[in-house]
Amino acid sequence: MPENTQATNPFMKMFEELNAPLCEPLKQAAAQWIDTSAEWAHKALEWNEKMTTWAKETPLASVFAAQRSLASQAIENSTALARSLWRIEPKTDEKAE
């Protein structure tokens, strides 16, 4: 059994090749896809918050808040995982002043 199994693993080799200069447009497309997907997911959470304002004074308010919190964490975790797999740096906030 070889010492360095990552060097012989075709799956790992494929991800290493994604850093090749010829794959830069593919990485840029992936970064744009990840950013757009995360943005739309956050917009869906905002929409969910607006649609559940009726429950503000009910016991269901905490359930909806917990649901949004878990969904937000799932979005952040999946975005971070996708960026890690593609070896893309996290998006910087352009709105920071």
PDB file of N, CA and C in Angstrom:
ATOM      1  N   MET A   1       0.852  -1.184   0.000  1.00  0.00           N
ATOM      2  CA  MET A   1       0.000   0.000   0.000  1.00  0.00           C
ATOM      3  C   MET A   1       0.892   1.239   0.000  1.00  0.00           C
ATOM      4  N   PRO A   2       0.694   2.178  -0.925  1.00  0.00           N
ATOM      5  CA  PRO A   2       1.548   3.365  -0.993  1.00  0.00           C
ATOM      6  C   PRO A   2       1.366   4.255   0.235  1.00  0.00           C
ATOM      7  N   GLU A   3       2.462   4.958   0.557  1.00  0.00           N
ATOM      8  CA  GLU A   3       2.431   5.842   1.716  1.00  0.00           C
ATOM      9  C   GLU A   3       1.493   7.030   1.486  1.00  0.00           C
ATOM     10  N   ASN A   4       1.585   7.655   0.344  1.00  0.00           N
ATOM     11  CA  ASN A   4       0.783   8.835   0.059  1.00  0.00           C
ATOM     12  C   ASN A   4      -0.402   8.436  -0.818  1.00  0.00           C
ATOM     13  N   THR A   5      -1.515   8.110  -0.184  1.00  0.00           N
ATOM     14  CA  THR A   5      -2.684   7.669  -0.949  1.00  0.00           C
ATOM     15  C   THR A   5      -3.366   8.826  -1.655  1.00  0.00           C
ATOM     16  N   GLN A   6      -3.136  10.066  -1.197  1.00  0.00           N
ATOM     17  CA  GLN A   6      -3.748  11.214  -1.874  1.00  0.00           C
ATOM     18  C   GLN A   6      -3.177  11.389  -3.278  1.00  0.00           C
ATOM     19  N   ALA A   7      -1.916  11.057  -3.460  1.00  0.00           N
ATOM     20  CA  ALA A   7      -1.289  11.219  -4.774  1.00  0.00           C
ATOM     21  C   ALA A   7      -1.867  10.234  -5.784  1.00  0.00           C
ATOM     22  N   THR A   8      -2.315   9.064  -5.326  1.00  0.00           N
ATOM     23  CA  THR A   8      -2.847   8.059  -6.241  1.00  0.00           C
ATOM     24  C   THR A   8      -4.364   8.059  -6.292  1.00  0.00           C
ATOM     25  N   ASN A   9      -4.995   8.813  -5.442  1.00  0.00           N
ATOM     26  CA  ASN A   9      -6.451   8.876  -5.406  1.00  0.00           C
ATOM     27  C   ASN A   9      -6.941   9.778  -6.540  1.00  0.00           C
ATOM     28  N   PRO A  10      -7.678   9.232  -7.509  1.00  0.00           N
ATOM     29  CA  PRO A  10      -8.116  10.063  -8.643  1.00  0.00           C
ATOM     30  C   PRO A  10      -9.072  11.183  -8.231  1.00  0.00           C
ATOM     31  N   PHE A  11      -9.853  10.955  -7.169  1.00  0.00           N
ATOM     32  CA  PHE A  11     -10.771  11.994  -6.693  1.00  0.00           C
ATOM     33  C   PHE A  11      -9.989  13.198  -6.185  1.00  0.00           C
ATOM     34  N   MET A  12      -8.955  12.962  -5.379  1.00  0.00           N
ATOM     35  CA  MET A  12      -8.137  14.057  -4.865  1.00  0.00           C
ATOM     36  C   MET A  12      -7.346  14.718  -5.995  1.00  0.00           C
ATOM     37  N   LYS A  13      -6.890  13.919  -6.936  1.00  0.00           N
ATOM     38  CA  LYS A  13      -6.147  14.479  -8.066  1.00  0.00           C
ATOM     39  C   LYS A  13      -7.023  15.429  -8.878  1.00  0.00           C
ATOM     40  N   MET A  14      -8.304  15.079  -9.023  1.00  0.00           N
ATOM     41  CA  MET A  14      -9.232  15.934  -9.754  1.00  0.00           C
ATOM     42  C   MET A  14      -9.354  17.304  -9.083  1.00  0.00           C
ATOM     43  N   PHE A  15      -9.465  17.316  -7.750  1.00  0.00           N
ATOM     44  CA  PHE A  15      -9.581  18.591  -7.046  1.00  0.00           C
ATOM     45  C   PHE A  15      -8.277  19.379  -7.094  1.00  0.00           C
ATOM     46  N   GLU A  16      -7.147  18.700  -7.107  1.00  0.00           N
ATOM     47  CA  GLU A  16      -5.868  19.404  -7.228  1.00  0.00           C
ATOM     48  C   GLU A  16      -5.753  20.063  -8.592  1.00  0.00           C
ATOM     49  N   GLU A  17      -6.269  19.407  -9.609  1.00  0.00           N
ATOM     50  CA  GLU A  17      -6.200  19.951 -10.957  1.00  0.00           C
ATOM     51  C   GLU A  17      -7.115  21.159 -11.139  1.00  0.00           C
ATOM     52  N   LEU A  18      -8.099  21.324 -10.246  1.00  0.00           N
ATOM     53  CA  LEU A  18      -8.980  22.488 -10.333  1.00  0.00           C
ATOM     54  C   LEU A  18      -8.226  23.784 -10.077  1.00  0.00           C
ATOM     55  N   ASN A  19      -7.079  23.679  -9.470  1.00  0.00           N
ATOM     56  CA  ASN A  19      -6.280  24.877  -9.214  1.00  0.00           C
ATOM     57  C   ASN A  19      -5.390  25.240 -10.401  1.00  0.00           C
ATOM     58  N   ALA A  20      -5.435  24.452 -11.429  1.00  0.00           N
ATOM     59  CA  ALA A  20      -4.646  24.740 -12.621  1.00  0.00           C
ATOM     60  C   ALA A  20      -5.143  26.027 -13.266  1.00  0.00           C
ATOM     61  N   PRO A  21      -4.256  26.784 -13.897  1.00  0.00           N
ATOM     62  CA  PRO A  21      -4.657  28.064 -14.514  1.00  0.00           C
ATOM     63  C   PRO A  21      -5.782  27.926 -15.541  1.00  0.00           C
ATOM     64  N   LEU A  22      -5.860  26.812 -16.227  1.00  0.00           N
ATOM     65  CA  LEU A  22      -6.917  26.639 -17.228  1.00  0.00           C
ATOM     66  C   LEU A  22      -8.292  26.477 -16.588  1.00  0.00           C
ATOM     67  N   CYS A  23      -8.338  26.158 -15.318  1.00  0.00           N
ATOM     68  CA  CYS A  23      -9.616  25.946 -14.637  1.00  0.00           C
ATOM     69  C   CYS A  23     -10.103  27.188 -13.910  1.00  0.00           C
ATOM     70  N   GLU A  24      -9.394  28.284 -14.039  1.00  0.00           N
ATOM     71  CA  GLU A  24      -9.797  29.511 -13.333  1.00  0.00           C
ATOM     72  C   GLU A  24     -11.202  29.976 -13.715  1.00  0.00           C
ATOM     73  N   PRO A  25     -11.587  29.959 -15.004  1.00  0.00           N
ATOM     74  CA  PRO A  25     -12.965  30.351 -15.331  1.00  0.00           C
ATOM     75  C   PRO A  25     -14.005  29.431 -14.680  1.00  0.00           C
ATOM     76  N   LEU A  26     -13.690  28.161 -14.548  1.00  0.00           N
ATOM     77  CA  LEU A  26     -14.603  27.226 -13.897  1.00  0.00           C
ATOM     78  C   LEU A  26     -14.739  27.563 -12.419  1.00  0.00           C
ATOM     79  N   LYS A  27     -13.635  27.901 -11.781  1.00  0.00           N
ATOM     80  CA  LYS A  27     -13.678  28.293 -10.375  1.00  0.00           C
ATOM     81  C   LYS A  27     -14.455  29.597 -10.192  1.00  0.00           C
ATOM     82  N   GLN A  28     -14.303  30.533 -11.117  1.00  0.00           N
ATOM     83  CA  GLN A  28     -15.041  31.798 -11.030  1.00  0.00           C
ATOM     84  C   GLN A  28     -16.543  31.554 -11.184  1.00  0.00           C
ATOM     85  N   ALA A  29     -16.906  30.661 -12.087  1.00  0.00           N
ATOM     86  CA  ALA A  29     -18.320  30.321 -12.264  1.00  0.00           C
ATOM     87  C   ALA A  29     -18.865  29.651 -11.005  1.00  0.00           C
ATOM     88  N   ALA A  30     -18.074  28.767 -10.409  1.00  0.00           N
ATOM     89  CA  ALA A  30     -18.495  28.101  -9.174  1.00  0.00           C
ATOM     90  C   ALA A  30     -18.660  29.115  -8.051  1.00  0.00           C
ATOM     91  N   ALA A  31     -17.737  30.066  -7.955  1.00  0.00           N
ATOM     92  CA  ALA A  31     -17.823  31.099  -6.912  1.00  0.00           C
ATOM     93  C   ALA A  31     -19.082  31.932  -7.100  1.00  0.00           C
ATOM     94  N   GLN A  32     -19.376  32.286  -8.335  1.00  0.00           N
ATOM     95  CA  GLN A  32     -20.576  33.081  -8.611  1.00  0.00           C
ATOM     96  C   GLN A  32     -21.836  32.278  -8.283  1.00  0.00           C
ATOM     97  N   TRP A  33     -21.839  31.001  -8.618  1.00  0.00           N
ATOM     98  CA  TRP A  33     -22.976  30.133  -8.323  1.00  0.00           C
ATOM     99  C   TRP A  33     -23.186  30.026  -6.812  1.00  0.00           C
ATOM    100  N   ILE A  34     -22.101  29.825  -6.069  1.00  0.00           N
ATOM    101  CA  ILE A  34     -22.176  29.707  -4.607  1.00  0.00           C
ATOM    102  C   ILE A  34     -22.715  30.995  -4.001  1.00  0.00           C
ATOM    103  N   ASP A  35     -22.177  32.126  -4.425  1.00  0.00           N
ATOM    104  CA  ASP A  35     -22.609  33.418  -3.885  1.00  0.00           C
ATOM    105  C   ASP A  35     -24.075  33.697  -4.197  1.00  0.00           C
ATOM    106  N   THR A  36     -24.479  33.430  -5.424  1.00  0.00           N
ATOM    107  CA  THR A  36     -25.863  33.675  -5.825  1.00  0.00           C
ATOM    108  C   THR A  36     -26.816  32.761  -5.076  1.00  0.00           C
ATOM    109  N   SER A  37     -26.447  31.501  -4.930  1.00  0.00           N
ATOM    110  CA  SER A  37     -27.298  30.560  -4.203  1.00  0.00           C
ATOM    111  C   SER A  37     -27.461  30.973  -2.751  1.00  0.00           C
ATOM    112  N   ALA A  38     -26.370  31.378  -2.110  1.00  0.00           N
ATOM    113  CA  ALA A  38     -26.438  31.811  -0.712  1.00  0.00           C
ATOM    114  C   ALA A  38     -27.292  33.070  -0.586  1.00  0.00           C
ATOM    115  N   GLU A  39     -27.139  33.986  -1.532  1.00  0.00           N
ATOM    116  CA  GLU A  39     -27.930  35.227  -1.501  1.00  0.00           C
ATOM    117  C   GLU A  39     -29.420  34.929  -1.609  1.00  0.00           C
ATOM    118  N   TRP A  40     -29.803  34.047  -2.525  1.00  0.00           N
ATOM    119  CA  TRP A  40     -31.211  33.699  -2.699  1.00  0.00           C
ATOM    120  C   TRP A  40     -31.748  32.945  -1.483  1.00  0.00           C
ATOM    121  N   ALA A  41     -30.916  32.111  -0.892  1.00  0.00           N
ATOM    122  CA  ALA A  41     -31.346  31.380   0.306  1.00  0.00           C
ATOM    123  C   ALA A  41     -31.598  32.350   1.454  1.00  0.00           C
ATOM    124  N   HIS A  42     -30.737  33.354   1.605  1.00  0.00           N
ATOM    125  CA  HIS A  42     -30.939  34.354   2.653  1.00  0.00           C
ATOM    126  C   HIS A  42     -32.188  35.197   2.367  1.00  0.00           C
ATOM    127  N   LYS A  43     -32.445  35.476   1.100  1.00  0.00           N
ATOM    128  CA  LYS A  43     -33.660  36.219   0.747  1.00  0.00           C
ATOM    129  C   LYS A  43     -34.901  35.388   1.088  1.00  0.00           C
ATOM    130  N   ALA A  44     -34.820  34.080   0.896  1.00  0.00           N
ATOM    131  CA  ALA A  44     -35.941  33.211   1.250  1.00  0.00           C
ATOM    132  C   ALA A  44     -36.170  33.228   2.763  1.00  0.00           C
ATOM    133  N   LEU A  45     -35.101  33.292   3.521  1.00  0.00           N
ATOM    134  CA  LEU A  45     -35.248  33.387   4.975  1.00  0.00           C
ATOM    135  C   LEU A  45     -35.879  34.712   5.377  1.00  0.00           C
ATOM    136  N   GLU A  46     -35.491  35.787   4.712  1.00  0.00           N
ATOM    137  CA  GLU A  46     -36.108  37.092   4.983  1.00  0.00           C
ATOM    138  C   GLU A  46     -37.596  37.059   4.650  1.00  0.00           C
ATOM    139  N   TRP A  47     -37.927  36.444   3.534  1.00  0.00           N
ATOM    140  CA  TRP A  47     -39.326  36.319   3.135  1.00  0.00           C
ATOM    141  C   TRP A  47     -40.091  35.495   4.161  1.00  0.00           C
ATOM    142  N   ASN A  48     -39.470  34.412   4.646  1.00  0.00           N
ATOM    143  CA  ASN A  48     -40.087  33.578   5.674  1.00  0.00           C
ATOM    144  C   ASN A  48     -40.350  34.377   6.940  1.00  0.00           C
ATOM    145  N   GLU A  49     -39.410  35.235   7.303  1.00  0.00           N
ATOM    146  CA  GLU A  49     -39.581  36.060   8.497  1.00  0.00           C
ATOM    147  C   GLU A  49     -40.772  37.018   8.335  1.00  0.00           C
ATOM    148  N   LYS A  50     -40.891  37.612   7.155  1.00  0.00           N
ATOM    149  CA  LYS A  50     -42.013  38.520   6.895  1.00  0.00           C
ATOM    150  C   LYS A  50     -43.346  37.769   6.908  1.00  0.00           C
ATOM    151  N   MET A  51     -43.335  36.551   6.366  1.00  0.00           N
ATOM    152  CA  MET A  51     -44.570  35.783   6.277  1.00  0.00           C
ATOM    153  C   MET A  51     -45.003  35.213   7.632  1.00  0.00           C
ATOM    154  N   THR A  52     -44.112  35.170   8.579  1.00  0.00           N
ATOM    155  CA  THR A  52     -44.470  34.623   9.890  1.00  0.00           C
ATOM    156  C   THR A  52     -44.571  35.708  10.963  1.00  0.00           C
ATOM    157  N   THR A  53     -44.702  36.948  10.559  1.00  0.00           N
ATOM    158  CA  THR A  53     -44.846  38.026  11.541  1.00  0.00           C
ATOM    159  C   THR A  53     -46.155  37.897  12.317  1.00  0.00           C
ATOM    160  N   TRP A  54     -47.127  37.233  11.734  1.00  0.00           N
ATOM    161  CA  TRP A  54     -48.400  37.031  12.425  1.00  0.00           C
ATOM    162  C   TRP A  54     -48.211  36.251  13.727  1.00  0.00           C
ATOM    163  N   ALA A  55     -47.133  35.463  13.811  1.00  0.00           N
ATOM    164  CA  ALA A  55     -46.904  34.609  14.976  1.00  0.00           C
ATOM    165  C   ALA A  55     -46.059  35.300  16.046  1.00  0.00           C
ATOM    166  N   LYS A  56     -45.821  36.580  15.869  1.00  0.00           N
ATOM    167  CA  LYS A  56     -44.922  37.308  16.767  1.00  0.00           C
ATOM    168  C   LYS A  56     -45.305  37.172  18.237  1.00  0.00           C
ATOM    169  N   GLU A  57     -46.559  37.237  18.550  1.00  0.00           N
ATOM    170  CA  GLU A  57     -47.031  37.199  19.942  1.00  0.00           C
ATOM    171  C   GLU A  57     -47.574  35.820  20.330  1.00  0.00           C
ATOM    172  N   THR A  58     -47.217  34.795  19.587  1.00  0.00           N
ATOM    173  CA  THR A  58     -47.720  33.451  19.894  1.00  0.00           C
ATOM    174  C   THR A  58     -46.554  32.539  20.287  1.00  0.00           C
ATOM    175  N   PRO A  59     -46.856  31.378  20.827  1.00  0.00           N
ATOM    176  CA  PRO A  59     -45.789  30.421  21.154  1.00  0.00           C
ATOM    177  C   PRO A  59     -45.050  29.906  19.918  1.00  0.00           C
ATOM    178  N   LEU A  60     -45.633  30.061  18.756  1.00  0.00           N
ATOM    179  CA  LEU A  60     -44.983  29.599  17.524  1.00  0.00           C
ATOM    180  C   LEU A  60     -43.814  30.489  17.102  1.00  0.00           C
ATOM    181  N   ALA A  61     -43.730  31.685  17.644  1.00  0.00           N
ATOM    182  CA  ALA A  61     -42.662  32.607  17.255  1.00  0.00           C
ATOM    183  C   ALA A  61     -41.286  31.992  17.489  1.00  0.00           C
ATOM    184  N   SER A  62     -41.110  31.324  18.619  1.00  0.00           N
ATOM    185  CA  SER A  62     -39.798  30.725  18.910  1.00  0.00           C
ATOM    186  C   SER A  62     -39.509  29.561  17.972  1.00  0.00           C
ATOM    187  N   VAL A  63     -40.532  28.844  17.555  1.00  0.00           N
ATOM    188  CA  VAL A  63     -40.339  27.736  16.617  1.00  0.00           C
ATOM    189  C   VAL A  63     -39.865  28.278  15.267  1.00  0.00           C
ATOM    190  N   PHE A  64     -40.517  29.323  14.787  1.00  0.00           N
ATOM    191  CA  PHE A  64     -40.123  29.918  13.511  1.00  0.00           C
ATOM    192  C   PHE A  64     -38.722  30.524  13.584  1.00  0.00           C
ATOM    193  N   ALA A  65     -38.399  31.153  14.704  1.00  0.00           N
ATOM    194  CA  ALA A  65     -37.070  31.740  14.871  1.00  0.00           C
ATOM    195  C   ALA A  65     -35.998  30.653  14.882  1.00  0.00           C
ATOM    196  N   ALA A  66     -36.275  29.564  15.569  1.00  0.00           N
ATOM    197  CA  ALA A  66     -35.319  28.454  15.608  1.00  0.00           C
ATOM    198  C   ALA A  66     -35.139  27.843  14.218  1.00  0.00           C
ATOM    199  N   GLN A  67     -36.237  27.733  13.492  1.00  0.00           N
ATOM    200  CA  GLN A  67     -36.178  27.197  12.135  1.00  0.00           C
ATOM    201  C   GLN A  67     -35.302  28.070  11.240  1.00  0.00           C
ATOM    202  N   ARG A  68     -35.500  29.382  11.323  1.00  0.00           N
ATOM    203  CA  ARG A  68     -34.690  30.299  10.516  1.00  0.00           C
ATOM    204  C   ARG A  68     -33.223  30.246  10.931  1.00  0.00           C
ATOM    205  N   SER A  69     -32.965  30.136  12.217  1.00  0.00           N
ATOM    206  CA  SER A  69     -31.595  30.070  12.706  1.00  0.00           C
ATOM    207  C   SER A  69     -30.887  28.816  12.184  1.00  0.00           C
ATOM    208  N   LEU A  70     -31.568  27.680  12.266  1.00  0.00           N
ATOM    209  CA  LEU A  70     -30.985  26.434  11.754  1.00  0.00           C
ATOM    210  C   LEU A  70     -30.764  26.506  10.240  1.00  0.00           C
ATOM    211  N   ALA A  71     -31.719  27.075   9.527  1.00  0.00           N
ATOM    212  CA  ALA A  71     -31.583  27.210   8.076  1.00  0.00           C
ATOM    213  C   ALA A  71     -30.418  28.133   7.732  1.00  0.00           C
ATOM    214  N   SER A  72     -30.261  29.211   8.472  1.00  0.00           N
ATOM    215  CA  SER A  72     -29.156  30.138   8.239  1.00  0.00           C
ATOM    216  C   SER A  72     -27.808  29.454   8.479  1.00  0.00           C
ATOM    217  N   GLN A  73     -27.736  28.663   9.543  1.00  0.00           N
ATOM    218  CA  GLN A  73     -26.501  27.928   9.820  1.00  0.00           C
ATOM    219  C   GLN A  73     -26.212  26.914   8.721  1.00  0.00           C
ATOM    220  N   ALA A  74     -27.253  26.249   8.224  1.00  0.00           N
ATOM    221  CA  ALA A  74     -27.072  25.279   7.137  1.00  0.00           C
ATOM    222  C   ALA A  74     -26.563  25.968   5.870  1.00  0.00           C
ATOM    223  N   ILE A  75     -27.092  27.153   5.596  1.00  0.00           N
ATOM    224  CA  ILE A  75     -26.639  27.916   4.424  1.00  0.00           C
ATOM    225  C   ILE A  75     -25.162  28.269   4.572  1.00  0.00           C
ATOM    226  N   GLU A  76     -24.798  28.801   5.728  1.00  0.00           N
ATOM    227  CA  GLU A  76     -23.405  29.194   5.955  1.00  0.00           C
ATOM    228  C   GLU A  76     -22.465  27.995   5.889  1.00  0.00           C
ATOM    229  N   ASN A  77     -22.868  26.872   6.501  1.00  0.00           N
ATOM    230  CA  ASN A  77     -22.018  25.683   6.493  1.00  0.00           C
ATOM    231  C   ASN A  77     -21.852  25.101   5.092  1.00  0.00           C
ATOM    232  N   SER A  78     -22.937  25.040   4.333  1.00  0.00           N
ATOM    233  CA  SER A  78     -22.833  24.486   2.986  1.00  0.00           C
ATOM    234  C   SER A  78     -22.043  25.416   2.065  1.00  0.00           C
ATOM    235  N   THR A  79     -22.194  26.722   2.261  1.00  0.00           N
ATOM    236  CA  THR A  79     -21.420  27.678   1.476  1.00  0.00           C
ATOM    237  C   THR A  79     -19.929  27.532   1.789  1.00  0.00           C
ATOM    238  N   ALA A  80     -19.606  27.417   3.067  1.00  0.00           N
ATOM    239  CA  ALA A  80     -18.202  27.253   3.467  1.00  0.00           C
ATOM    240  C   ALA A  80     -17.633  25.941   2.923  1.00  0.00           C
ATOM    241  N   LEU A  81     -18.417  24.871   2.964  1.00  0.00           N
ATOM    242  CA  LEU A  81     -17.958  23.584   2.446  1.00  0.00           C
ATOM    243  C   LEU A  81     -17.710  23.658   0.940  1.00  0.00           C
ATOM    244  N   ALA A  82     -18.644  24.264   0.215  1.00  0.00           N
ATOM    245  CA  ALA A  82     -18.475  24.379  -1.240  1.00  0.00           C
ATOM    246  C   ALA A  82     -17.239  25.211  -1.578  1.00  0.00           C
ATOM    247  N   ARG A  83     -17.039  26.314  -0.858  1.00  0.00           N
ATOM    248  CA  ARG A  83     -15.852  27.144  -1.095  1.00  0.00           C
ATOM    249  C   ARG A  83     -14.577  26.367  -0.757  1.00  0.00           C
ATOM    250  N   SER A  84     -14.626  25.570   0.283  1.00  0.00           N
ATOM    251  CA  SER A  84     -13.463  24.778   0.675  1.00  0.00           C
ATOM    252  C   SER A  84     -13.129  23.735  -0.398  1.00  0.00           C
ATOM    253  N   LEU A  85     -14.155  23.062  -0.902  1.00  0.00           N
ATOM    254  CA  LEU A  85     -13.923  22.045  -1.928  1.00  0.00           C
ATOM    255  C   LEU A  85     -13.353  22.644  -3.212  1.00  0.00           C
ATOM    256  N   TRP A  86     -13.823  23.818  -3.566  1.00  0.00           N
ATOM    257  CA  TRP A  86     -13.341  24.480  -4.764  1.00  0.00           C
ATOM    258  C   TRP A  86     -12.073  25.296  -4.508  1.00  0.00           C
ATOM    259  N   ARG A  87     -11.697  25.395  -3.233  1.00  0.00           N
ATOM    260  CA  ARG A  87     -10.535  26.194  -2.821  1.00  0.00           C
ATOM    261  C   ARG A  87     -10.707  27.648  -3.257  1.00  0.00           C
ATOM    262  N   ILE A  88     -11.872  28.192  -2.913  1.00  0.00           N
ATOM    263  CA  ILE A  88     -12.213  29.570  -3.229  1.00  0.00           C
ATOM    264  C   ILE A  88     -12.206  30.346  -1.918  1.00  0.00           C
ATOM    265  N   GLU A  89     -11.581  31.510  -1.941  1.00  0.00           N
ATOM    266  CA  GLU A  89     -11.535  32.347  -0.744  1.00  0.00           C
ATOM    267  C   GLU A  89     -12.942  32.844  -0.400  1.00  0.00           C
ATOM    268  N   PRO A  90     -13.240  33.009   0.888  1.00  0.00           N
ATOM    269  CA  PRO A  90     -14.560  33.534   1.274  1.00  0.00           C
ATOM    270  C   PRO A  90     -14.786  34.920   0.676  1.00  0.00           C
ATOM    271  N   LYS A  91     -16.039  35.178   0.340  1.00  0.00           N
ATOM    272  CA  LYS A  91     -16.419  36.453  -0.261  1.00  0.00           C
ATOM    273  C   LYS A  91     -16.267  37.564   0.791  1.00  0.00           C
ATOM    274  N   THR A  92     -15.632  38.653   0.385  1.00  0.00           N
ATOM    275  CA  THR A  92     -15.511  39.795   1.279  1.00  0.00           C
ATOM    276  C   THR A  92     -16.753  40.655   1.141  1.00  0.00           C
ATOM    277  N   ASP A  93     -17.108  41.346   2.186  1.00  0.00           N
ATOM    278  CA  ASP A  93     -18.300  42.185   2.174  1.00  0.00           C
ATOM    279  C   ASP A  93     -17.994  43.490   1.470  1.00  0.00           C
ATOM    280  N   GLU A  94     -18.620  43.708   0.301  1.00  0.00           N
ATOM    281  CA  GLU A  94     -18.393  44.952  -0.433  1.00  0.00           C
ATOM    282  C   GLU A  94     -19.088  46.125   0.246  1.00  0.00           C
ATOM    283  N   LYS A  95     -20.063  45.852   1.113  1.00  0.00           N
ATOM    284  CA  LYS A  95     -20.820  46.918   1.755  1.00  0.00           C
ATOM    285  C   LYS A  95     -20.092  47.508   2.952  1.00  0.00           C
ATOM    286  N   ALA A  96     -18.982  46.902   3.359  1.00  0.00           N
ATOM    287  CA  ALA A  96     -18.244  47.419   4.516  1.00  0.00           C
ATOM    288  C   ALA A  96     -17.661  48.784   4.174  1.00  0.00           C
ATOM    289  N   GLU A  97     -17.852  49.722   5.059  1.00  0.00           N
ATOM    290  CA  GLU A  97     -17.359  51.092   4.782  1.00  0.00           C
ATOM    291  C   GLU A  97     -16.349  51.499   5.809  1.00  0.00           C
TER     292      GLU A  97
END
